[in-house]
Amino acid sequence: MECPHGSRRSKSGHCVKRCPKGTRKKKGECVPREPMIFCPPGFHQSNGKCIRKKCPDGTIRKKGVCITPDKCKPGEYKNHLGRCVKDLNFSNIENDLTATLRRIEENPTLSKQLKEAIQKYEKDIIMISRDYTLP
């Protein structure tokens, strides 16, 4: 038995209607396929569009697009690409020292160890200065 044009023989031996290219069978009817969207790495599909998952460092996402902010955070500067990057020369030494001193004062053992280390260092400096005279 031969199947008519547009049909094919199923595993059970019956003639089954074939759907044209770009369609699929749903409840015995041929319906158009949804278009396949392939997004590049770092993007995901949402409502038929590719949307960026995460923006590169130094940029922020606004309305699905990565942009560089107008102003950088304190301790950052804009590099030649317009991205905000950490300024390694910027540091708030006063706040860092204050926090360190507070931690040393709160920990008596650490305070004692620091004093002993400074005294040893001072003795070493005195010994070196006796051995070497500056011109």
N, C-alpha and C. Protein backbone atom coordinates (compact mmCIF):
# COMPACT_ATOMS: atom_id res chain seq x y z
N MET A 1 0.86 -1.18 0.00
CA MET A 1 0.00 0.00 0.00
C MET A 1 0.90 1.24 0.00
N GLU A 2 0.60 2.15 -0.87
CA GLU A 2 1.35 3.39 -1.03
C GLU A 2 0.54 4.52 -0.40
N CYS A 3 1.24 5.46 0.31
CA CYS A 3 0.54 6.60 0.93
C CYS A 3 0.44 7.73 -0.10
N PRO A 4 -0.64 8.54 -0.04
CA PRO A 4 -0.79 9.66 -0.97
C PRO A 4 0.28 10.75 -0.71
N HIS A 5 0.44 11.64 -1.67
CA HIS A 5 1.43 12.71 -1.57
C HIS A 5 1.13 13.58 -0.32
N GLY A 6 2.17 13.91 0.45
CA GLY A 6 1.99 14.71 1.67
C GLY A 6 1.75 13.86 2.90
N SER A 7 1.84 12.53 2.74
CA SER A 7 1.66 11.61 3.86
C SER A 7 2.85 10.67 3.93
N ARG A 8 2.95 9.97 5.05
CA ARG A 8 4.02 8.99 5.22
C ARG A 8 3.46 7.80 5.98
N ARG A 9 4.18 6.69 5.88
CA ARG A 9 3.73 5.48 6.56
C ARG A 9 4.26 5.50 7.99
N SER A 10 3.39 5.30 8.97
CA SER A 10 3.78 5.27 10.37
C SER A 10 4.33 3.89 10.72
N LYS A 11 4.84 3.73 11.94
CA LYS A 11 5.37 2.45 12.40
C LYS A 11 4.29 1.38 12.43
N SER A 12 3.06 1.83 12.69
CA SER A 12 1.95 0.87 12.76
C SER A 12 1.42 0.51 11.37
N GLY A 13 1.94 1.17 10.31
CA GLY A 13 1.53 0.83 8.95
C GLY A 13 0.44 1.72 8.38
N HIS A 14 0.00 2.72 9.10
CA HIS A 14 -1.05 3.62 8.62
C HIS A 14 -0.42 4.81 7.88
N CYS A 15 -1.19 5.45 7.00
CA CYS A 15 -0.74 6.66 6.33
C CYS A 15 -1.06 7.86 7.23
N VAL A 16 -0.04 8.65 7.50
CA VAL A 16 -0.17 9.79 8.40
C VAL A 16 0.19 11.05 7.63
N LYS A 17 -0.64 12.10 7.80
CA LYS A 17 -0.40 13.37 7.11
C LYS A 17 0.92 13.97 7.58
N ARG A 18 1.70 14.45 6.63
CA ARG A 18 2.98 15.08 6.91
C ARG A 18 2.79 16.59 6.95
N CYS A 19 3.44 17.24 7.91
CA CYS A 19 3.35 18.70 8.00
C CYS A 19 4.44 19.35 7.15
N PRO A 20 4.15 20.46 6.50
CA PRO A 20 5.18 21.15 5.71
C PRO A 20 6.29 21.70 6.61
N LYS A 21 7.42 22.02 5.97
CA LYS A 21 8.57 22.55 6.71
C LYS A 21 8.18 23.84 7.42
N GLY A 22 8.68 24.01 8.66
CA GLY A 22 8.37 25.20 9.44
C GLY A 22 7.10 25.09 10.26
N THR A 23 6.46 23.90 10.19
CA THR A 23 5.26 23.67 11.00
C THR A 23 5.46 22.37 11.78
N ARG A 24 4.57 22.13 12.74
CA ARG A 24 4.61 20.91 13.52
C ARG A 24 3.18 20.45 13.77
N LYS A 25 3.05 19.18 14.10
CA LYS A 25 1.73 18.63 14.32
C LYS A 25 1.31 18.84 15.76
N LYS A 26 0.14 19.41 15.94
CA LYS A 26 -0.42 19.62 17.28
C LYS A 26 -1.89 19.26 17.20
N LYS A 27 -2.28 18.22 17.94
CA LYS A 27 -3.66 17.72 17.96
C LYS A 27 -4.16 17.41 16.55
N GLY A 28 -3.28 16.78 15.74
CA GLY A 28 -3.66 16.37 14.40
C GLY A 28 -3.63 17.48 13.37
N GLU A 29 -3.33 18.69 13.75
CA GLU A 29 -3.27 19.83 12.83
C GLU A 29 -1.83 20.31 12.70
N CYS A 30 -1.50 20.87 11.54
CA CYS A 30 -0.18 21.45 11.32
C CYS A 30 -0.21 22.92 11.74
N VAL A 31 0.61 23.26 12.73
CA VAL A 31 0.67 24.64 13.23
C VAL A 31 2.09 25.17 13.05
N PRO A 32 2.25 26.50 12.84
CA PRO A 32 3.60 27.05 12.65
C PRO A 32 4.45 26.87 13.90
N ARG A 33 5.75 26.62 13.68
CA ARG A 33 6.69 26.49 14.80
C ARG A 33 7.07 27.88 15.31
N GLU A 34 7.34 27.95 16.61
CA GLU A 34 7.85 29.19 17.18
C GLU A 34 9.30 29.34 16.71
N PRO A 35 9.72 30.57 16.37
CA PRO A 35 11.09 30.73 15.91
C PRO A 35 12.08 30.42 17.03
N MET A 36 13.16 29.74 16.68
CA MET A 36 14.20 29.41 17.65
C MET A 36 15.16 30.59 17.74
N ILE A 37 15.41 31.03 18.96
CA ILE A 37 16.33 32.14 19.17
C ILE A 37 17.50 31.61 19.98
N PHE A 38 18.70 31.80 19.46
CA PHE A 38 19.91 31.39 20.16
C PHE A 38 20.63 32.64 20.61
N CYS A 39 20.83 32.75 21.90
CA CYS A 39 21.49 33.94 22.47
C CYS A 39 22.96 33.65 22.70
N PRO A 40 23.82 34.66 22.54
CA PRO A 40 25.25 34.46 22.79
C PRO A 40 25.52 34.25 24.28
N PRO A 41 26.71 33.77 24.63
CA PRO A 41 27.05 33.58 26.04
C PRO A 41 26.91 34.89 26.83
N GLY A 42 26.39 34.78 28.05
CA GLY A 42 26.19 35.96 28.89
C GLY A 42 24.80 36.58 28.71
N PHE A 43 23.99 36.02 27.82
CA PHE A 43 22.63 36.51 27.56
C PHE A 43 21.65 35.38 27.83
N HIS A 44 20.38 35.72 28.08
CA HIS A 44 19.34 34.71 28.18
C HIS A 44 18.13 35.20 27.38
N GLN A 45 17.25 34.26 27.02
CA GLN A 45 16.10 34.59 26.20
C GLN A 45 14.92 34.96 27.08
N SER A 46 14.25 36.04 26.71
CA SER A 46 13.05 36.48 27.41
C SER A 46 12.12 37.16 26.42
N ASN A 47 10.93 36.61 26.26
CA ASN A 47 9.92 37.15 25.34
C ASN A 47 10.48 37.30 23.92
N GLY A 48 11.24 36.30 23.47
CA GLY A 48 11.75 36.32 22.11
C GLY A 48 12.93 37.25 21.88
N LYS A 49 13.51 37.78 22.95
CA LYS A 49 14.67 38.67 22.81
C LYS A 49 15.81 38.15 23.68
N CYS A 50 17.04 38.49 23.28
CA CYS A 50 18.21 38.13 24.08
C CYS A 50 18.51 39.28 25.03
N ILE A 51 18.54 38.98 26.32
CA ILE A 51 18.78 40.00 27.35
C ILE A 51 20.04 39.62 28.10
N ARG A 52 20.90 40.60 28.34
CA ARG A 52 22.17 40.36 29.03
C ARG A 52 21.90 39.96 30.48
N LYS A 53 22.59 38.89 30.94
CA LYS A 53 22.45 38.44 32.31
C LYS A 53 23.19 39.36 33.27
N LYS A 54 24.46 39.65 32.97
CA LYS A 54 25.30 40.44 33.86
C LYS A 54 26.18 41.35 33.02
N CYS A 55 26.36 42.56 33.50
CA CYS A 55 27.21 43.52 32.80
C CYS A 55 28.67 43.36 33.23
N PRO A 56 29.61 43.74 32.36
CA PRO A 56 31.03 43.68 32.74
C PRO A 56 31.32 44.59 33.93
N ASP A 57 32.42 44.32 34.61
CA ASP A 57 32.82 45.13 35.77
C ASP A 57 32.96 46.60 35.36
N GLY A 58 32.51 47.49 36.24
CA GLY A 58 32.62 48.92 35.99
C GLY A 58 31.45 49.48 35.21
N THR A 59 30.48 48.63 34.84
CA THR A 59 29.30 49.10 34.12
C THR A 59 28.05 48.69 34.89
N ILE A 60 26.94 49.34 34.57
CA ILE A 60 25.66 49.00 35.20
C ILE A 60 24.63 48.76 34.10
N ARG A 61 23.56 48.03 34.43
CA ARG A 61 22.53 47.74 33.44
C ARG A 61 21.35 48.68 33.65
N LYS A 62 20.96 49.35 32.58
CA LYS A 62 19.76 50.19 32.58
C LYS A 62 18.94 49.80 31.37
N LYS A 63 17.70 49.38 31.61
CA LYS A 63 16.77 48.98 30.56
C LYS A 63 17.38 47.90 29.65
N GLY A 64 18.12 46.94 30.26
CA GLY A 64 18.67 45.83 29.52
C GLY A 64 19.96 46.12 28.77
N VAL A 65 20.50 47.34 28.90
CA VAL A 65 21.72 47.71 28.20
C VAL A 65 22.79 48.07 29.23
N CYS A 66 24.03 47.64 29.00
CA CYS A 66 25.14 47.95 29.91
C CYS A 66 25.70 49.32 29.55
N ILE A 67 25.76 50.19 30.56
CA ILE A 67 26.31 51.52 30.35
C ILE A 67 27.30 51.82 31.48
N THR A 68 28.21 52.77 31.22
CA THR A 68 29.11 53.20 32.28
C THR A 68 28.44 54.34 33.03
N PRO A 69 28.52 54.33 34.35
CA PRO A 69 27.88 55.41 35.11
C PRO A 69 28.60 56.73 34.85
N ASP A 70 27.84 57.83 35.03
CA ASP A 70 28.41 59.16 34.81
C ASP A 70 29.53 59.44 35.80
N LYS A 71 29.32 59.06 37.05
CA LYS A 71 30.31 59.28 38.09
C LYS A 71 30.72 57.94 38.68
N CYS A 72 31.98 57.85 39.05
CA CYS A 72 32.48 56.63 39.68
C CYS A 72 32.36 56.77 41.20
N LYS A 73 32.37 55.62 41.87
CA LYS A 73 32.33 55.60 43.34
C LYS A 73 33.62 56.20 43.89
N PRO A 74 33.60 56.65 45.14
CA PRO A 74 34.85 57.14 45.74
C PRO A 74 35.90 56.03 45.74
N GLY A 75 37.12 56.37 45.35
CA GLY A 75 38.19 55.39 45.27
C GLY A 75 38.27 54.71 43.92
N GLU A 76 37.47 55.19 42.95
CA GLU A 76 37.51 54.66 41.59
C GLU A 76 37.73 55.79 40.61
N TYR A 77 38.17 55.44 39.41
CA TYR A 77 38.32 56.43 38.34
C TYR A 77 37.95 55.77 37.02
N LYS A 78 37.67 56.59 36.00
CA LYS A 78 37.34 56.05 34.69
C LYS A 78 38.62 55.77 33.92
N ASN A 79 38.73 54.53 33.40
CA ASN A 79 39.91 54.19 32.61
C ASN A 79 39.70 54.61 31.16
N HIS A 80 40.63 54.24 30.28
CA HIS A 80 40.56 54.68 28.88
C HIS A 80 39.36 54.08 28.13
N LEU A 81 38.74 53.03 28.68
CA LEU A 81 37.55 52.45 28.07
C LEU A 81 36.26 53.07 28.62
N GLY A 82 36.41 53.98 29.59
CA GLY A 82 35.24 54.62 30.19
C GLY A 82 34.63 53.84 31.33
N ARG A 83 35.31 52.77 31.78
CA ARG A 83 34.80 51.97 32.88
C ARG A 83 35.38 52.47 34.20
N CYS A 84 34.60 52.33 35.25
CA CYS A 84 35.06 52.70 36.58
C CYS A 84 35.90 51.55 37.14
N VAL A 85 37.14 51.86 37.50
CA VAL A 85 38.04 50.86 38.07
C VAL A 85 38.60 51.40 39.37
N LYS A 86 39.04 50.48 40.25
CA LYS A 86 39.53 50.87 41.56
C LYS A 86 40.87 51.60 41.42
N ASP A 87 40.98 52.72 42.10
CA ASP A 87 42.21 53.50 42.12
C ASP A 87 43.08 52.96 43.23
N LEU A 88 44.19 52.30 42.85
CA LEU A 88 45.06 51.67 43.85
C LEU A 88 45.82 52.71 44.67
N ASN A 89 45.95 53.93 44.17
CA ASN A 89 46.64 54.98 44.92
C ASN A 89 45.74 55.62 45.96
N PHE A 90 44.42 55.41 45.82
CA PHE A 90 43.48 56.04 46.74
C PHE A 90 43.27 55.13 47.94
N SER A 91 43.48 55.66 49.09
CA SER A 91 43.14 54.93 50.31
C SER A 91 42.93 55.94 51.41
N ASN A 92 42.07 55.62 52.29
CA ASN A 92 41.79 56.51 53.41
C ASN A 92 42.64 56.03 54.58
N ILE A 93 43.90 56.47 54.58
CA ILE A 93 44.88 55.99 55.57
C ILE A 93 44.44 56.32 56.98
N GLU A 94 43.88 57.50 57.18
CA GLU A 94 43.49 57.91 58.53
C GLU A 94 42.46 56.95 59.11
N ASN A 95 41.43 56.60 58.31
CA ASN A 95 40.40 55.67 58.79
C ASN A 95 40.98 54.28 59.01
N ASP A 96 41.89 53.84 58.11
CA ASP A 96 42.50 52.53 58.25
C ASP A 96 43.33 52.45 59.53
N LEU A 97 44.13 53.48 59.79
CA LEU A 97 44.96 53.48 60.99
C LEU A 97 44.11 53.54 62.26
N THR A 98 43.08 54.36 62.24
CA THR A 98 42.19 54.47 63.40
C THR A 98 41.56 53.11 63.71
N ALA A 99 41.08 52.42 62.67
CA ALA A 99 40.45 51.12 62.88
C ALA A 99 41.47 50.10 63.39
N THR A 100 42.68 50.15 62.86
CA THR A 100 43.73 49.22 63.30
C THR A 100 44.11 49.47 64.75
N LEU A 101 44.29 50.74 65.11
CA LEU A 101 44.63 51.07 66.50
C LEU A 101 43.53 50.65 67.45
N ARG A 102 42.27 50.83 67.04
CA ARG A 102 41.14 50.43 67.88
C ARG A 102 41.17 48.91 68.11
N ARG A 103 41.47 48.14 67.06
CA ARG A 103 41.54 46.69 67.21
C ARG A 103 42.69 46.28 68.13
N ILE A 104 43.82 46.99 68.03
CA ILE A 104 44.97 46.67 68.89
C ILE A 104 44.63 46.97 70.34
N GLU A 105 43.97 48.11 70.60
CA GLU A 105 43.60 48.48 71.97
C GLU A 105 42.60 47.50 72.57
N GLU A 106 41.71 46.95 71.73
CA GLU A 106 40.68 46.03 72.22
C GLU A 106 41.26 44.64 72.53
N ASN A 107 42.44 44.34 71.96
CA ASN A 107 43.04 43.03 72.16
C ASN A 107 44.35 43.18 72.92
N PRO A 108 44.36 42.98 74.24
CA PRO A 108 45.57 43.18 75.05
C PRO A 108 46.74 42.29 74.63
N THR A 109 46.48 41.06 74.24
CA THR A 109 47.55 40.15 73.82
C THR A 109 48.24 40.69 72.58
N LEU A 110 47.46 41.15 71.63
CA LEU A 110 48.01 41.72 70.40
C LEU A 110 48.81 42.98 70.71
N SER A 111 48.31 43.78 71.62
CA SER A 111 49.00 45.01 72.02
C SER A 111 50.37 44.68 72.61
N LYS A 112 50.43 43.67 73.47
CA LYS A 112 51.69 43.26 74.10
C LYS A 112 52.67 42.74 73.05
N GLN A 113 52.18 41.92 72.12
CA GLN A 113 53.04 41.37 71.06
C GLN A 113 53.59 42.49 70.17
N LEU A 114 52.77 43.47 69.88
CA LEU A 114 53.20 44.59 69.04
C LEU A 114 54.29 45.40 69.74
N LYS A 115 54.11 45.67 71.04
CA LYS A 115 55.12 46.42 71.80
C LYS A 115 56.44 45.66 71.84
N GLU A 116 56.40 44.33 72.04
CA GLU A 116 57.61 43.53 72.06
C GLU A 116 58.31 43.55 70.70
N ALA A 117 57.55 43.48 69.64
CA ALA A 117 58.13 43.50 68.30
C ALA A 117 58.79 44.84 68.01
N ILE A 118 58.17 45.94 68.44
CA ILE A 118 58.74 47.28 68.23
C ILE A 118 60.03 47.42 69.03
N GLN A 119 60.06 46.95 70.27
CA GLN A 119 61.27 47.03 71.10
C GLN A 119 62.41 46.23 70.47
N LYS A 120 62.12 45.03 69.96
CA LYS A 120 63.13 44.21 69.30
C LYS A 120 63.65 44.93 68.06
N TYR A 121 62.74 45.52 67.30
CA TYR A 121 63.12 46.25 66.08
C TYR A 121 64.03 47.42 66.44
N GLU A 122 63.69 48.16 67.49
CA GLU A 122 64.51 49.30 67.92
C GLU A 122 65.90 48.83 68.33
N LYS A 123 66.02 47.71 69.05
CA LYS A 123 67.32 47.18 69.45
C LYS A 123 68.15 46.82 68.22
N ASP A 124 67.52 46.18 67.23
CA ASP A 124 68.23 45.81 66.00
C ASP A 124 68.73 47.05 65.27
N ILE A 125 67.94 48.10 65.23
CA ILE A 125 68.34 49.35 64.56
C ILE A 125 69.55 49.96 65.26
N ILE A 126 69.52 49.95 66.60
CA ILE A 126 70.64 50.52 67.35
C ILE A 126 71.91 49.72 67.09
N MET A 127 71.81 48.40 67.06
CA MET A 127 72.97 47.55 66.80
C MET A 127 73.53 47.81 65.40
N ILE A 128 72.68 47.94 64.42
CA ILE A 128 73.12 48.20 63.05
C ILE A 128 73.79 49.57 62.96
N SER A 129 73.21 50.57 63.62
CA SER A 129 73.77 51.93 63.54
C SER A 129 75.13 52.00 64.21
N ARG A 130 75.42 51.13 65.19
CA ARG A 130 76.73 51.13 65.84
C ARG A 130 77.79 50.53 64.90
N ASP A 131 77.38 49.51 64.13
CA ASP A 131 78.31 48.85 63.23
C ASP A 131 78.63 49.68 61.99
N TYR A 132 77.68 50.48 61.54
CA TYR A 132 77.87 51.25 60.31
C TYR A 132 77.76 52.74 60.63
N THR A 133 78.71 53.46 60.17
CA THR A 133 78.64 54.92 60.34
C THR A 133 78.36 55.54 58.98
N LEU A 134 77.52 56.51 58.99
CA LEU A 134 77.18 57.19 57.75
C LEU A 134 78.22 58.24 57.43
N PRO A 135 78.54 58.48 56.17
CA PRO A 135 79.54 59.49 55.82
C PRO A 135 79.06 60.89 56.11
